[in-house]
């Protein structure tokens, strides 16, 4: 099926100020802007004809001038652990993914902020795809709406936690991500706690500073090594923003959670899992209120890296814990369907054994051919 981008404005992209301007330009009361946002995000209504406290004239204009469709779901892959990966297509036919992870008492959604990623971390499939473009705020919010629609249909708990840990570097899409975070934490819209919205970054220093100034959410740093040369070989971002620059910014960051800043540390066999590495990590964390999530490496095709052995992981964890650094081991969900940390690469079931750059090439071919 050929995909054509709608010429209409995308309803989910509109900020409160955008709606205020739209209402004013068309002679509608400006207070209607808040009502529209509540219909869209709090009541999750996609048909403006059902906005019962909005005038009929306004409802007709809304239907005529805006695209109210959510992204089309190409494929849903269900993991044995109960999580589900949604491969969806944007209005211009691009592919991205989000992952729904239900558990007792909560539903966590891992959202993508970009199509691909430019940072090329050595342990991540997404980075091997390259970057196509950032997603708009509405394209990110629509992932939450899609997930809520799916959960409501099955009688399960709606999304209670959102983590920006899917495809892309969120802070490369800072304006969009800030708008999304404000919408998610607005008590009259999604109403999520600031503790339940987490933005993860490879460490873009100016953007971290601005994020902390403009919106209150939890911050996670994708760290993986506390040695500049070593981290630079794993994560090219470190050559631009070395560890000492990153740490200074984090020391000044406004803490939003009781455990402080979360550091993500992928445990890779023979790469970053020795006690010597743990010692450097402890030194880097000195003075910071921090928690370290230890994440066993999630293997993917074409990458020889393996997860640390269980004994080595326990030794590393104990070294941190003995120095009063919380260091839980986080086993990623959705590994069997390429939905785990570092595995998102727009794969369908038949693509799970393919290298990510090959999948990216196939997706681009589909888009060119209009499939």
Protein backbone atom coordinates (compact mmCIF):
# COMPACT_ATOMS: atom_id res chain seq x y z
CA UNK A 1 0.00 0.00 0.00
CA UNK A 2 1.44 3.36 -1.01
CA UNK A 3 1.90 5.75 1.89
CA UNK A 4 1.20 9.44 1.29
CA UNK A 5 1.67 12.12 3.91
CA UNK A 6 -1.50 13.98 4.83
CA UNK A 7 -1.46 17.68 3.86
CA UNK A 8 -3.46 18.45 7.01
CA UNK A 9 -1.94 19.68 10.26
CA UNK A 10 -1.35 16.86 12.72
CA UNK A 11 -3.69 17.31 15.68
CA UNK A 12 -1.33 15.67 18.17
CA UNK A 13 1.49 18.09 17.28
CA UNK A 14 -0.42 21.13 18.51
CA UNK A 15 0.79 22.68 21.75
CA UNK A 16 -1.49 24.69 24.01
CA UNK A 17 -0.17 27.89 22.42
CA UNK A 18 -0.83 26.46 18.96
CA UNK A 19 -4.43 25.73 19.85
CA UNK A 20 -4.86 29.17 21.43
CA UNK A 21 -3.63 30.76 18.19
CA UNK A 22 -5.89 28.55 16.08
CA UNK A 23 -8.95 29.37 18.17
CA UNK A 24 -8.21 33.08 18.07
CA UNK A 25 -7.66 33.13 14.31
CA UNK A 26 -11.02 31.48 13.70
CA UNK A 27 -13.02 33.49 16.19
CA UNK A 28 -13.48 30.73 18.74
CA UNK A 29 -12.97 31.38 22.47
CA UNK A 30 -9.37 30.86 23.50
CA UNK A 31 -10.37 28.80 26.54
CA UNK A 32 -11.41 26.14 24.03
CA UNK A 33 -7.71 25.34 23.56
CA UNK A 34 -7.53 23.64 26.97
CA UNK A 35 -10.75 21.78 26.28
CA UNK A 36 -9.30 20.41 23.04
CA UNK A 37 -6.16 19.17 24.77
CA UNK A 38 -8.26 17.46 27.43
CA UNK A 39 -10.35 15.68 24.79
CA UNK A 40 -7.24 14.51 22.97
CA UNK A 41 -4.95 13.45 25.82
CA UNK A 42 -7.11 12.96 28.93
CA UNK A 43 -10.22 11.49 27.31
CA UNK A 44 -8.26 9.92 24.41
CA UNK A 45 -10.92 10.84 21.84
CA UNK A 46 -9.82 10.79 18.19
CA UNK A 47 -13.02 12.06 16.57
CA UNK A 48 -13.61 15.80 17.05
CA UNK A 49 -17.27 15.30 16.20
CA UNK A 50 -17.57 13.72 19.66
CA UNK A 51 -16.15 16.74 21.51
CA UNK A 52 -19.50 17.45 23.15
CA UNK A 53 -18.60 20.77 24.84
CA UNK A 54 -17.28 22.24 21.57
CA UNK A 55 -19.60 24.05 19.14
CA UNK A 56 -20.70 22.27 15.98
CA UNK A 57 -19.00 24.91 13.81
CA UNK A 58 -15.72 24.38 15.64
CA UNK A 59 -16.06 20.60 15.39
CA UNK A 60 -16.49 20.88 11.62
CA UNK A 61 -13.39 23.04 11.34
CA UNK A 62 -11.39 20.60 13.45
CA UNK A 63 -12.40 17.73 11.20
CA UNK A 64 -11.57 19.67 8.04
CA UNK A 65 -8.23 21.14 9.04
CA UNK A 66 -6.51 18.43 11.10
CA UNK A 67 -5.36 14.85 10.70
CA UNK A 68 -6.60 12.86 13.72
CA UNK A 69 -5.18 9.49 12.78
CA UNK A 70 -2.73 7.61 14.98
CA UNK A 71 0.28 5.99 13.29
CA UNK A 72 -0.52 2.79 11.44
CA UNK A 73 0.76 -0.32 13.20
CA UNK A 74 2.75 -2.44 10.76
CA UNK A 75 3.59 -5.33 13.08
CA UNK A 76 3.15 -6.34 16.72
CA UNK A 77 5.68 -8.81 18.09
CA UNK A 78 4.75 -10.42 21.40
CA UNK A 79 7.50 -11.56 23.73
CA UNK A 80 7.34 -14.58 25.99
CA UNK A 81 7.73 -12.22 28.96
CA UNK A 82 4.47 -10.38 28.15
CA UNK A 83 5.94 -7.28 26.56
CA UNK A 84 4.98 -6.24 23.05
CA UNK A 85 6.91 -4.36 20.39
CA UNK A 86 4.88 -2.16 18.04
CA UNK A 87 6.46 -1.41 14.68
CA UNK A 88 4.57 1.61 13.39
CA UNK A 89 4.67 3.89 10.38
CA UNK A 90 4.61 7.66 10.44
CA UNK A 91 2.45 9.80 8.15
CA UNK A 92 5.31 9.99 5.65
CA UNK A 93 5.81 6.23 5.70
CA UNK A 94 8.88 5.94 7.94
CA UNK A 95 9.29 3.10 10.44
CA UNK A 96 9.87 3.36 14.19
CA UNK A 97 9.13 1.26 17.26
CA UNK A 98 7.82 1.44 20.80
CA UNK A 99 7.63 -1.28 23.44
CA UNK A 100 4.76 -1.87 25.89
CA UNK A 101 5.82 -3.61 29.10
CA UNK A 102 2.93 -4.52 31.43
CA UNK A 103 3.74 -5.74 34.92
CA UNK A 104 1.92 -6.01 38.21
CA UNK A 105 0.55 -2.60 39.14
CA UNK A 106 2.09 -0.66 36.26
CA UNK A 107 2.49 -0.42 32.51
CA UNK A 108 5.74 0.99 31.19
CA UNK A 109 6.06 2.30 27.65
CA UNK A 110 9.44 2.70 25.98
CA UNK A 111 9.04 5.40 23.32
CA UNK A 112 11.19 6.35 20.35
CA UNK A 113 12.14 9.98 19.77
CA UNK A 114 13.80 9.56 16.36
CA UNK A 115 13.85 7.33 13.31
CA UNK A 116 17.31 5.84 13.79
CA UNK A 117 20.16 7.51 15.70
CA UNK A 118 23.32 9.41 14.79
CA UNK A 119 25.54 8.43 17.73
CA UNK A 120 26.62 4.92 16.69
CA UNK A 121 27.28 3.41 20.13
CA UNK A 122 29.03 0.10 19.56
CA UNK A 123 26.59 -1.99 21.61
CA UNK A 124 23.36 -0.66 20.05
CA UNK A 125 21.50 -1.80 16.94
CA UNK A 126 19.70 1.50 16.44
CA UNK A 127 22.97 3.40 16.08
CA UNK A 128 23.99 1.15 13.21
CA UNK A 129 20.94 2.29 11.23
CA UNK A 130 21.99 5.92 11.00
CA UNK A 131 19.59 8.81 11.55
CA UNK A 132 16.69 9.60 9.22
CA UNK A 133 14.91 12.32 11.20
CA UNK A 134 13.49 13.25 14.58
CA UNK A 135 9.90 12.44 15.43
CA UNK A 136 7.54 15.33 16.12
CA UNK A 137 6.04 15.80 19.56
CA UNK A 138 2.74 14.46 18.22
CA UNK A 139 4.45 11.38 16.80
CA UNK A 140 5.91 10.65 20.24
CA UNK A 141 2.65 11.33 22.08
CA UNK A 142 0.78 9.17 19.59
CA UNK A 143 2.88 6.21 20.77
CA UNK A 144 1.39 6.70 24.24
CA UNK A 145 -2.09 7.01 22.75
CA UNK A 146 -1.55 3.84 20.69
CA UNK A 147 -0.40 1.93 23.76
CA UNK A 148 -3.31 3.21 25.86
CA UNK A 149 -5.75 2.25 23.14
CA UNK A 150 -4.29 -1.26 23.07
CA UNK A 151 -4.29 -1.61 26.86
CA UNK A 152 -7.87 -0.34 27.17
CA UNK A 153 -9.08 -2.84 24.56
CA UNK A 154 -7.62 -5.71 26.58
CA UNK A 155 -8.80 -4.36 29.94
CA UNK A 156 -5.27 -3.77 31.22
CA UNK A 157 -3.79 -0.85 33.12
CA UNK A 158 -3.06 2.21 31.00
CA UNK A 159 0.46 3.52 30.62
CA UNK A 160 1.75 4.63 34.03
CA UNK A 161 5.45 5.04 33.20
CA UNK A 162 7.14 6.42 30.10
CA UNK A 163 10.83 5.97 29.36
CA UNK A 164 12.58 7.72 26.48
CA UNK A 165 14.81 4.74 25.79
CA UNK A 166 13.63 3.63 22.38
CA UNK A 167 15.07 4.56 19.01
CA UNK A 168 17.10 7.76 18.88
CA UNK A 169 18.83 10.20 21.21
CA UNK A 170 16.04 12.14 22.96
CA UNK A 171 18.11 15.26 23.56
CA UNK A 172 18.84 15.54 19.83
CA UNK A 173 15.09 16.22 19.67
CA UNK A 174 14.98 18.47 22.69
CA UNK A 175 12.11 20.83 21.78
CA UNK A 176 9.85 17.91 20.93
CA UNK A 177 10.81 15.91 24.01
CA UNK A 178 10.25 18.87 26.36
CA UNK A 179 6.79 19.44 24.87
CA UNK A 180 5.98 15.74 25.31
CA UNK A 181 7.20 15.69 28.91
CA UNK A 182 5.08 18.73 29.75
CA UNK A 183 2.04 17.05 28.27
CA UNK A 184 2.69 13.74 30.02
CA UNK A 185 3.09 15.38 33.42
CA UNK A 186 0.19 17.83 33.07
CA UNK A 187 -2.30 16.74 35.78
CA UNK A 188 -5.23 17.59 33.50
CA UNK A 189 -3.88 15.56 30.56
CA UNK A 190 -1.96 12.30 31.05
CA UNK A 191 -1.30 13.15 34.68
CA UNK A 192 1.90 11.12 35.06
CA UNK A 193 4.21 11.81 37.99
CA UNK A 194 7.56 13.41 37.17
CA UNK A 195 9.09 10.33 38.81
CA UNK A 196 7.43 8.13 36.20
CA UNK A 197 8.77 9.92 33.12
CA UNK A 198 12.44 9.20 32.42
CA UNK A 199 14.56 10.78 29.71
CA UNK A 200 17.71 8.86 28.83
CA UNK A 201 20.67 10.47 27.08
CA UNK A 202 24.17 9.57 25.94
CA UNK A 203 25.32 12.80 27.58
CA UNK A 204 24.62 15.92 25.51
CA UNK A 205 25.75 18.53 28.01
CA UNK A 206 24.04 21.77 26.85
CA UNK A 207 20.80 19.88 26.27
CA UNK A 208 20.95 18.27 29.74
CA UNK A 209 21.27 21.74 31.24
CA UNK A 210 18.25 23.02 29.33
CA UNK A 211 16.16 19.94 30.12
CA UNK A 212 16.75 20.48 33.83
CA UNK A 213 15.77 24.14 33.55
CA UNK A 214 12.57 23.61 31.58
CA UNK A 215 10.85 20.44 32.76
CA UNK A 216 10.85 18.25 35.87
CA UNK A 217 11.41 14.61 34.91
CA UNK A 218 13.78 11.81 35.85
CA UNK A 219 17.16 11.75 34.12
CA UNK A 220 19.10 8.68 33.04
CA UNK A 221 22.64 8.78 31.66
CA UNK A 222 23.80 6.09 29.26
CA UNK A 223 27.34 5.75 30.67
CA UNK A 224 28.84 2.23 30.20
CA UNK A 225 32.40 3.24 31.07
CA UNK A 226 34.01 5.74 33.43
CA UNK A 227 37.26 6.01 31.47
CA UNK A 228 37.44 8.72 28.81
CA UNK A 229 39.45 6.82 26.23
CA UNK A 230 37.46 3.65 26.71
CA UNK A 231 34.08 5.38 26.70
CA UNK A 232 35.12 7.33 23.62
CA UNK A 233 35.81 4.07 21.79
CA UNK A 234 32.35 2.76 22.72
CA UNK A 235 30.40 6.01 22.51
CA UNK A 236 31.55 8.72 20.07
CA UNK A 237 29.66 11.36 22.07
CA UNK A 238 32.38 11.17 24.72
CA UNK A 239 34.87 12.77 22.34
CA UNK A 240 32.68 15.88 22.28
CA UNK A 241 31.57 15.85 25.91
CA UNK A 242 34.17 14.00 28.01
CA UNK A 243 33.37 12.61 31.43
CA UNK A 244 34.66 15.56 33.47
CA UNK A 245 32.43 17.97 31.51
CA UNK A 246 29.45 15.65 31.86
CA UNK A 247 30.00 15.25 35.60
CA UNK A 248 30.16 18.98 36.25
CA UNK A 249 26.82 19.40 34.54
CA UNK A 250 25.29 16.53 36.52
CA UNK A 251 26.55 17.99 39.81
CA UNK A 252 24.45 21.07 39.04
CA UNK A 253 21.40 19.21 37.69
CA UNK A 254 18.13 19.66 39.67
CA UNK A 255 17.45 16.21 41.13
CA UNK A 256 13.86 14.99 40.77
CA UNK A 257 13.92 11.55 42.43
CA UNK A 258 15.02 10.19 45.80
CA UNK A 259 17.79 8.10 44.23
CA UNK A 260 19.08 11.00 42.15
CA UNK A 261 20.32 10.41 38.62
CA UNK A 262 20.15 6.95 37.10
CA UNK A 263 23.20 5.67 35.25
CA UNK A 264 22.76 2.90 32.72
CA UNK A 265 25.70 0.55 32.47
CA UNK A 266 25.58 -2.25 29.90
CA UNK A 267 27.67 -5.14 31.20
CA UNK A 268 29.78 -6.47 28.31
CA UNK A 269 31.97 -9.54 28.73
CA UNK A 270 35.65 -8.63 28.83
CA UNK A 271 34.90 -5.04 27.82
CA UNK A 272 33.80 -3.02 30.85
CA UNK A 273 33.02 -5.53 33.61
CA UNK A 274 36.21 -5.84 35.67
CA UNK A 275 36.76 -4.57 39.21
CA UNK A 276 39.17 -2.04 37.70
CA UNK A 277 36.25 -0.67 35.68
CA UNK A 278 34.08 -0.67 38.81
CA UNK A 279 36.71 1.36 40.69
CA UNK A 280 36.73 4.01 37.97
CA UNK A 281 32.93 4.09 38.06
CA UNK A 282 32.90 4.65 41.82
CA UNK A 283 35.42 7.48 41.43
CA UNK A 284 33.28 9.11 38.71
CA UNK A 285 30.13 8.88 40.84
CA UNK A 286 31.74 10.45 43.92
CA UNK A 287 29.72 13.49 44.92
CA UNK A 288 26.70 12.52 42.82
CA UNK A 289 23.44 11.18 44.16
CA UNK A 290 23.13 8.18 41.87
CA UNK A 291 21.80 4.73 41.13
CA UNK A 292 23.43 2.43 38.58
CA UNK A 293 21.32 0.04 36.54
CA UNK A 294 23.50 -2.88 35.48
CA UNK A 295 22.15 -4.20 32.17
CA UNK A 296 23.55 -7.45 30.76
CA UNK A 297 24.45 -6.88 27.11
CA UNK A 298 21.64 -7.82 24.74
CA UNK A 299 23.24 -9.56 21.78
CA UNK A 300 22.25 -8.78 18.21
CA UNK A 301 23.31 -10.03 14.77
CA UNK A 302 26.65 -8.81 13.49
CA UNK A 303 27.91 -7.75 16.91
CA UNK A 304 30.38 -10.08 18.68
CA UNK A 305 29.78 -8.55 22.12
CA UNK A 306 28.35 -10.81 24.81
CA UNK A 307 26.80 -10.28 28.22
CA UNK A 308 29.08 -10.49 31.24
CA UNK A 309 29.20 -13.84 33.00
CA UNK A 310 26.95 -14.11 36.05
CA UNK A 311 29.81 -14.31 38.57
CA UNK A 312 31.56 -11.28 37.10
CA UNK A 313 28.30 -9.33 37.19
CA UNK A 314 27.76 -10.23 40.86
CA UNK A 315 31.29 -9.15 41.75
CA UNK A 316 30.84 -5.83 39.97
CA UNK A 317 27.48 -5.26 41.65
CA UNK A 318 28.88 -6.11 45.10
CA UNK A 319 31.77 -3.70 44.65
CA UNK A 320 29.30 -0.87 44.03
CA UNK A 321 26.87 -1.94 46.75
CA UNK A 322 29.66 -2.18 49.34
CA UNK A 323 30.33 1.49 48.63
CA UNK A 324 26.67 2.44 49.15
CA UNK A 325 25.88 2.78 45.46
CA UNK A 326 22.53 1.12 44.58
CA UNK A 327 23.23 -1.16 41.63
CA UNK A 328 20.26 -3.34 40.67
CA UNK A 329 20.65 -5.76 37.76
CA UNK A 330 18.08 -4.98 35.05
CA UNK A 331 17.38 -7.85 32.72
CA UNK A 332 15.82 -6.32 29.62
CA UNK A 333 12.40 -7.47 28.52
CA UNK A 334 11.51 -8.45 24.97
CA UNK A 335 14.87 -9.96 24.07
CA UNK A 336 13.27 -12.72 21.99
CA UNK A 337 11.60 -10.19 19.64
CA UNK A 338 14.45 -7.64 19.39
CA UNK A 339 12.68 -5.28 21.79
CA UNK A 340 15.26 -5.12 24.57
CA UNK A 341 17.68 -2.34 25.47
CA UNK A 342 19.89 -1.61 22.45
CA UNK A 343 17.96 -3.91 20.13
CA UNK A 344 15.38 -1.67 18.45
CA UNK A 345 15.95 -1.67 14.70
CA UNK A 346 12.48 -1.79 13.05
CA UNK A 347 12.54 -5.58 12.77
CA UNK A 348 9.65 -7.83 11.88
CA UNK A 349 9.70 -11.48 12.92
CA UNK A 350 11.45 -12.56 9.72
CA UNK A 351 14.18 -9.97 10.30
CA UNK A 352 15.29 -10.97 13.80
CA UNK A 353 18.47 -12.67 12.59
CA UNK A 354 19.45 -9.90 10.16
CA UNK A 355 22.08 -7.28 10.86
CA UNK A 356 20.53 -3.85 11.55
CA UNK A 357 22.06 -2.06 8.57
CA UNK A 358 20.49 -4.67 6.27
CA UNK A 359 17.09 -4.14 7.86
CA UNK A 360 17.49 -0.37 7.52
CA UNK A 361 18.30 -0.82 3.84
CA UNK A 362 15.18 -2.95 3.34
CA UNK A 363 12.97 -0.41 5.09
CA UNK A 364 14.32 2.42 2.94
CA UNK A 365 13.62 0.32 -0.16
CA UNK A 366 10.03 -0.20 1.00
CA UNK A 367 9.61 3.54 1.48
CA UNK A 368 11.08 4.36 -1.95
CA UNK A 369 8.80 1.82 -3.63
CA UNK A 370 5.78 3.11 -1.73
CA UNK A 371 4.99 -0.20 -0.01
